[in-house]
Every structure is written in structure tokens, then in C-alpha cells.
Amino acid sequence: MYGSIEAGGTKFVCAIGNSKLEILERVSFPTTTPDETLEQVAAFFKQYQTQLASIGVGSFGPIDIHHDSVTYGHITSTPKLAWQNFDFVGTLKKYFNIPIAWTTDVNAACYGEYVAGNGKGLTSVVYYTVGTGIGGGALQNGAFVEGFSHPEMGHMLVKRHPEDTFLGNCPFHQDCLEGMAAGPALEKRTGTKGENLLAEDPVWEIEADYISQCAYNTTLMFAPDIIIFGGGVMKQDHMKKKVQEKFAKLVNHYVTTPAVEEYIVTPKLGDNAGTIGCLALAQDATINA
């Protein structure tokens, strides 16, 4: 069996799956302190300790992904003070001396869609989560696109919509993609959570404008086979079409992409993308151990 840990800033989701990447059991609990949270993680997986071959972790970040770094496996400069410079992988290894795959939460979701979702069979896949924050992950020929660190595509700068008077919610960049289009930005702009806004609310046109800019920038930087937008904000049924239409106008026939209905999509795996991605990464870690 394989373990999956989606380590989010708000909650942890742990799951057990088999070699077919089928989810057999899943639990979630609030993200509190590292010690308390990891104890709950360990208690869940200890039920399966004799069968557990490996664990895949997709974590909130920033994280250290370089195997030759002295802080590999650490969460680094997160605004969650208790988790700053926390040795996640090292602590997990104290409980389970098995292979552990380690990446960002959005990379894990990207990998899930690559192996079993809308990215299956494609060469280049980009995935964004648009929710409490905005993060992006990219795969090329099955390998994550990364260099000195993992990408932080959610903080790309966007052009302000001419009718948008909101100053931005990011403490670092103000009017970056996350600062203008993540869930908290929607709520601060309108005074209402996104899930409670009517589809006819004009704020969705502004939201779609920023997400379409993201798709445009991604297209010209990576020329991927597909761009997948997940997260709570993109669960609004009308958003996908709005983004597709605005994206087509932005590109203005400069490049020829796949048909927009197949190019800009939402996750086939829905909320399971991250869990299945972690299970698949765990399976890979066992094979490569």
C-alpha cells in the first residue's frame, strides 16, 4: 500500500491507496503545530505500517526540494510561523523509515492529473490551484519544471483590470495573480465569500480577466499541451467558459493552441487530484528506491 499526505496550510489530508491508485481510506484534520499534526499523521499510517511501502507528500511551501541540500525536506519561509524551517521529511522518517516522495501540494495535484486525469498521455501539463492562495506546477516529459527552487507561478504579475479598484491582497507584491484573484482577494473586494456570490455578479468578469492573463502568460512561457485550473474558485461552473473566451481574445491568434475547450480545463479528478498524485509519487519512490 501507498500513503498520501496533502499538507495544507489549513488542513492535512492523509490517505491510503493501492497499486491501482485507488483511494482506500482518507482522513483530514486541522493544521495546528508541527508536533501535534505529525503525531496525527503517524497515528493514521501506523494502522497500515506492515503494508506501507512508501509515502508521497505534497506540502504547502515554500519548501526545499533539492536532495543535496542540508535543508532538503524542510518547509522554509512560510508565513505560518510554527512551521518555518520545519524538517517535515526528517520528522516523518522518525516514524516510518520508508521511501518518502516530497514536492509541493500543487505539483502533487499536477502529477495526479498527469497520470490519471486530463493530462494523461500528454507531454507537457500545467496545473494551477485557485483557492485560498494560487499556486502552479508544471510537468515536462514526466519531470517537474524546477531550478533553484520550485516555481511560484501564483505570484506572476498581472495587469490591473480597468474597473478594479481593489489594491491587492499579497503582502509581497500587492497586485500579483494571487493578490488579485485568490479567494481572500475576492472576499475582501466584495465582502462576501466567492461561493456565496451570484454567477451574474460583475466581479466574476474581473476574476476571469486575471485567470485568463495567467493562461496567456503560461501559454507563451511553456506552450503546454493543457492548462488545468483547480481549486475552490474554479468550481464556479461559469468561470471556465469566461476564462476560455477572455484567453482567446488575449492571444488574438498570435499562436495556435489546441482547441480552447480542450486546452483550458478543470481537473478530471476534482478534489482527488492531489491525493492520487501523492499516491503515484509514492509508488514511483518505491520503484526508484
Protein backbone atom coordinates (compact mmCIF):
# COMPACT_ATOMS: atom_id res chain seq x y z
CA MET A 1 0.00 0.00 0.00
CA TYR A 2 1.00 3.63 -0.52
CA GLY A 3 0.45 6.66 1.65
CA SER A 4 -0.56 10.17 0.62
CA ILE A 5 -0.20 13.37 2.64
CA GLU A 6 -1.68 16.59 1.32
CA ALA A 7 -0.18 19.05 3.76
CA GLY A 8 -2.19 22.23 3.51
CA GLY A 9 -1.91 25.41 5.48
CA THR A 10 -5.44 24.91 6.80
CA LYS A 11 -5.80 21.12 6.94
CA PHE A 12 -3.90 17.89 6.35
CA VAL A 13 -5.49 15.16 4.24
CA CYS A 14 -3.99 11.69 4.65
CA ALA A 15 -4.93 8.68 2.56
CA ILE A 16 -4.03 5.08 1.84
CA GLY A 17 -4.16 3.69 -1.69
CA ASN A 18 -3.22 0.59 -3.65
CA SER A 19 -1.12 -0.05 -6.75
CA LYS A 20 -4.08 0.92 -8.95
CA LEU A 21 -4.06 4.35 -7.25
CA GLU A 22 -7.44 3.61 -5.72
CA ILE A 23 -8.11 5.56 -2.52
CA LEU A 24 -8.98 3.05 0.21
CA GLU A 25 -9.25 5.32 3.22
CA ARG A 26 -8.87 9.04 3.78
CA VAL A 27 -8.95 11.31 6.84
CA SER A 28 -8.43 15.02 7.41
CA PHE A 29 -7.64 17.18 10.41
CA PRO A 30 -6.76 20.84 11.03
CA THR A 31 -3.18 22.05 10.57
CA THR A 32 -2.02 23.07 14.05
CA THR A 33 1.58 22.82 15.33
CA PRO A 34 4.10 20.56 13.57
CA ASP A 35 4.41 18.19 16.54
CA GLU A 36 0.68 17.80 17.06
CA THR A 37 -0.12 17.49 13.36
CA LEU A 38 2.61 14.96 12.60
CA GLU A 39 1.51 12.85 15.57
CA GLN A 40 -1.94 12.61 13.99
CA VAL A 41 -0.36 11.74 10.63
CA ALA A 42 1.70 8.98 12.24
CA ALA A 43 -1.29 7.59 14.13
CA PHE A 44 -3.24 7.23 10.89
CA PHE A 45 -0.48 5.46 8.96
CA LYS A 46 0.59 3.18 11.82
CA GLN A 47 -2.60 1.18 11.22
CA TYR A 48 -1.05 0.14 7.90
CA GLN A 49 2.60 0.02 8.94
CA THR A 50 3.24 -3.58 7.91
CA GLN A 51 1.81 -2.96 4.42
CA LEU A 52 3.01 0.60 3.85
CA ALA A 53 5.67 0.69 1.12
CA SER A 54 6.17 4.45 0.78
CA ILE A 55 4.55 7.85 1.32
CA GLY A 56 4.09 10.75 -1.08
CA VAL A 57 3.88 14.25 0.39
CA GLY A 58 2.54 17.36 -1.32
CA SER A 59 3.14 20.29 1.02
CA PHE A 60 2.35 23.96 1.32
CA GLY A 61 5.50 25.97 0.95
CA PRO A 62 7.91 27.30 0.14
CA ILE A 63 9.80 24.03 0.59
CA ASP A 64 13.35 22.81 -0.08
CA ILE A 65 13.24 20.27 -2.93
CA HIS A 66 16.96 19.72 -3.52
CA HIS A 67 18.21 16.32 -2.34
CA ASP A 68 21.79 17.59 -1.86
CA SER A 69 20.70 20.50 0.35
CA VAL A 70 21.18 20.37 4.12
CA THR A 71 17.57 21.54 4.48
CA TYR A 72 16.05 19.14 1.96
CA GLY A 73 12.57 18.13 3.09
CA HIS A 74 12.06 21.31 5.10
CA ILE A 75 9.23 23.80 4.89
CA THR A 76 11.22 27.03 4.72
CA SER A 77 9.97 30.64 4.75
CA THR A 78 6.26 30.06 5.23
CA PRO A 79 4.19 32.82 6.88
CA LYS A 80 2.89 30.08 9.26
CA LEU A 81 5.43 30.84 11.99
CA ALA A 82 5.26 27.47 13.78
CA TRP A 83 6.15 25.71 10.53
CA GLN A 84 9.08 27.88 9.46
CA ASN A 85 12.20 25.79 8.80
CA PHE A 86 10.41 22.62 9.91
CA ASP A 87 12.09 19.34 8.89
CA PHE A 88 8.99 17.62 7.53
CA VAL A 89 10.64 14.66 5.81
CA GLY A 90 13.13 14.11 8.61
CA THR A 91 10.36 14.06 11.20
CA LEU A 92 8.27 11.68 9.09
CA LYS A 93 11.29 9.38 8.72
CA LYS A 94 11.45 9.05 12.52
CA TYR A 95 8.05 7.38 12.38
CA PHE A 96 8.41 5.49 9.06
CA ASN A 97 11.80 4.51 7.66
CA ILE A 98 10.48 4.03 4.11
CA PRO A 99 10.88 5.98 0.85
CA ILE A 100 9.19 9.38 1.01
CA ALA A 101 8.43 11.45 -2.09
CA TRP A 102 8.47 15.20 -1.41
CA THR A 103 7.05 18.02 -3.51
CA THR A 104 4.65 20.96 -3.37
CA ASP A 105 0.91 20.49 -2.97
CA VAL A 106 0.20 21.89 -6.42
CA ASN A 107 2.92 19.74 -8.03
CA ALA A 108 1.21 16.71 -6.50
CA ALA A 109 -2.14 17.72 -8.00
CA CYS A 110 -0.46 18.32 -11.35
CA TYR A 111 1.06 14.84 -11.20
CA GLY A 112 -2.30 13.31 -10.33
CA GLU A 113 -3.88 14.83 -13.43
CA TYR A 114 -0.82 13.77 -15.48
CA VAL A 115 -1.04 10.10 -14.51
CA ALA A 116 -4.80 9.63 -14.23
CA GLY A 117 -6.67 12.80 -15.23
CA ASN A 118 -6.93 15.33 -18.03
CA GLY A 119 -3.16 15.32 -18.55
CA LYS A 120 -2.86 11.58 -19.12
CA GLY A 121 -0.95 10.77 -22.31
CA LEU A 122 0.28 14.35 -22.78
CA THR A 123 3.87 15.59 -22.75
CA SER A 124 3.53 18.97 -21.08
CA VAL A 125 0.98 19.71 -18.34
CA VAL A 126 0.50 22.84 -16.22
CA TYR A 127 -1.82 22.89 -13.20
CA TYR A 128 -2.98 25.83 -11.09
CA THR A 129 -4.88 25.79 -7.82
CA VAL A 130 -7.04 28.90 -7.43
CA GLY A 131 -8.31 28.89 -3.86
CA THR A 132 -7.10 30.32 -0.55
CA GLY A 133 -3.89 31.04 -2.45
CA ILE A 134 -2.81 30.47 -6.02
CA GLY A 135 -0.04 28.02 -6.87
CA GLY A 136 1.16 26.45 -10.08
CA GLY A 137 3.02 23.30 -11.05
CA ALA A 138 4.39 22.23 -14.42
CA LEU A 139 5.45 18.86 -15.83
CA GLN A 140 7.57 18.25 -18.92
CA ASN A 141 8.07 14.64 -20.04
CA GLY A 142 7.05 13.43 -16.59
CA ALA A 143 9.53 15.64 -14.70
CA PHE A 144 8.65 18.72 -12.66
CA VAL A 145 9.85 22.02 -14.07
CA GLU A 146 12.11 23.47 -11.38
CA GLY A 147 15.53 25.04 -10.90
CA PHE A 148 16.98 26.71 -7.80
CA SER A 149 13.54 26.02 -6.30
CA HIS A 150 10.01 25.12 -7.32
CA PRO A 151 8.02 27.65 -9.39
CA GLU A 152 5.87 30.25 -7.64
CA MET A 153 3.64 30.95 -10.63
CA GLY A 154 0.81 32.18 -8.45
CA HIS A 155 2.78 35.36 -7.88
CA MET A 156 3.18 36.36 -11.54
CA LEU A 157 2.31 40.00 -12.08
CA VAL A 158 -0.95 40.75 -13.89
CA LYS A 159 -2.32 43.91 -15.50
CA ARG A 160 -4.96 45.53 -13.35
CA HIS A 161 -8.49 45.35 -14.75
CA PRO A 162 -9.58 48.92 -15.61
CA GLU A 163 -12.71 48.61 -13.43
CA ASP A 164 -10.92 47.04 -10.46
CA THR A 165 -10.24 49.42 -7.56
CA PHE A 166 -9.04 46.66 -5.18
CA LEU A 167 -5.43 47.29 -4.16
CA GLY A 168 -4.43 43.63 -3.87
CA ASN A 169 -4.04 41.17 -1.04
CA CYS A 170 -0.45 39.91 -1.36
CA PRO A 171 1.89 41.35 1.30
CA PHE A 172 4.86 40.93 -1.05
CA HIS A 173 3.59 42.07 -4.48
CA GLN A 174 0.12 43.52 -3.91
CA ASP A 175 -1.22 43.14 -7.46
CA CYS A 176 0.17 39.76 -8.42
CA LEU A 177 -2.14 36.96 -9.54
CA GLU A 178 -2.67 35.62 -6.01
CA GLY A 179 -3.11 39.10 -4.59
CA MET A 180 -5.83 39.93 -7.11
CA ALA A 181 -7.59 36.62 -7.80
CA ALA A 182 -7.30 34.18 -4.87
CA GLY A 183 -10.32 33.51 -2.68
CA PRO A 184 -9.37 36.03 0.05
CA ALA A 185 -8.98 38.76 -2.59
CA LEU A 186 -12.49 38.01 -3.85
CA GLU A 187 -13.86 38.20 -0.32
CA LYS A 188 -12.06 41.42 0.60
CA ARG A 189 -13.12 43.03 -2.68
CA THR A 190 -16.80 42.15 -2.28
CA GLY A 191 -17.32 41.48 1.43
CA THR A 192 -18.67 38.04 0.51
CA LYS A 193 -17.05 34.62 0.09
CA GLY A 194 -16.81 33.51 -3.53
CA GLU A 195 -19.13 30.53 -3.10
CA ASN A 196 -21.88 32.91 -1.97
CA LEU A 197 -21.58 35.30 -4.92
CA LEU A 198 -24.17 35.06 -7.69
CA ALA A 199 -22.94 33.96 -11.11
CA GLU A 200 -24.20 37.27 -12.50
CA ASP A 201 -22.05 39.34 -10.15
CA PRO A 202 -19.75 41.57 -12.27
CA VAL A 203 -16.77 40.67 -10.06
CA TRP A 204 -16.54 37.34 -11.91
CA GLU A 205 -15.63 39.21 -15.12
CA ILE A 206 -12.72 40.78 -13.25
CA GLU A 207 -11.75 37.41 -11.78
CA ALA A 208 -11.85 35.72 -15.18
CA ASP A 209 -9.71 38.51 -16.62
CA TYR A 210 -6.89 37.75 -14.17
CA ILE A 211 -7.14 33.98 -14.64
CA SER A 212 -7.11 34.40 -18.43
CA GLN A 213 -3.95 36.51 -18.12
CA CYS A 214 -2.43 33.62 -16.19
CA ALA A 215 -3.36 31.23 -19.00
CA TYR A 216 -1.94 33.66 -21.58
CA ASN A 217 1.38 34.05 -19.74
CA THR A 218 1.61 30.29 -19.22
CA THR A 219 0.95 29.63 -22.90
CA LEU A 220 3.72 31.92 -24.09
CA MET A 221 6.22 30.70 -21.46
CA PHE A 222 5.64 26.94 -21.63
CA ALA A 223 3.47 26.21 -24.70
CA PRO A 224 1.95 23.29 -22.74
CA ASP A 225 -0.41 20.67 -24.10
CA ILE A 226 -3.01 21.61 -21.49
CA ILE A 227 -3.63 24.09 -18.66
CA ILE A 228 -5.72 22.79 -15.76
CA PHE A 229 -7.31 25.17 -13.25
CA GLY A 230 -8.40 23.60 -9.95
CA GLY A 231 -9.27 24.97 -6.55
CA GLY A 232 -12.41 26.32 -4.95
CA VAL A 233 -12.72 29.45 -7.09
CA MET A 234 -12.79 27.40 -10.30
CA LYS A 235 -15.67 25.28 -9.01
CA GLN A 236 -17.95 28.07 -10.22
CA ASP A 237 -19.46 26.47 -13.34
CA HIS A 238 -19.47 29.72 -15.33
CA MET A 239 -15.80 30.54 -14.73
CA LYS A 240 -14.23 28.09 -17.15
CA LYS A 241 -16.11 29.48 -20.16
CA LYS A 242 -15.39 33.07 -19.15
CA VAL A 243 -11.67 32.31 -18.88
CA GLN A 244 -11.63 30.46 -22.21
CA GLU A 245 -13.30 33.37 -24.01
CA LYS A 246 -11.07 36.04 -22.48
CA PHE A 247 -7.97 33.94 -23.14
CA ALA A 248 -8.84 33.65 -26.86
CA LYS A 249 -9.14 37.44 -27.09
CA LEU A 250 -5.82 37.96 -25.31
CA VAL A 251 -3.92 35.55 -27.57
CA ASN A 252 -5.54 37.17 -30.61
CA HIS A 253 -4.36 34.36 -32.96
CA TYR A 254 -0.69 35.05 -32.17
CA VAL A 255 -0.10 31.35 -31.50
CA THR A 256 -2.24 28.37 -32.41
CA THR A 257 -3.14 26.39 -29.30
CA PRO A 258 -5.25 23.24 -29.08
CA ALA A 259 -8.98 23.95 -29.16
CA VAL A 260 -9.63 26.19 -26.16
CA GLU A 261 -12.33 23.86 -24.77
CA GLU A 262 -9.69 21.12 -24.51
CA TYR A 263 -6.77 23.41 -23.65
CA ILE A 264 -8.10 25.32 -20.63
CA VAL A 265 -9.95 22.85 -18.40
CA THR A 266 -10.75 21.97 -14.82
CA PRO A 267 -9.42 18.79 -13.12
CA LYS A 268 -10.88 15.47 -14.23
CA LEU A 269 -10.01 14.12 -10.78
CA GLY A 270 -11.60 17.04 -8.93
CA ASP A 271 -10.53 17.22 -5.30
CA ASN A 272 -8.80 13.83 -5.63
CA ALA A 273 -6.03 15.17 -7.88
CA GLY A 274 -3.60 15.87 -5.04
CA THR A 275 -4.22 12.58 -3.25
CA ILE A 276 -3.82 10.50 -6.40
CA GLY A 277 -0.73 12.49 -7.31
CA CYS A 278 0.83 11.77 -3.92
CA LEU A 279 -0.01 8.06 -4.23
CA ALA A 280 1.59 7.95 -7.69
CA LEU A 281 4.71 9.75 -6.43
CA ALA A 282 4.90 7.29 -3.53
CA GLN A 283 4.68 4.41 -5.99
CA ASP A 284 7.47 5.97 -8.09
CA ALA A 285 9.62 6.41 -4.96
CA THR A 286 9.30 2.68 -4.21
CA ILE A 287 10.30 1.73 -7.74
CA ASN A 288 13.31 4.11 -7.69
CA ALA A 289 14.44 3.29 -4.16
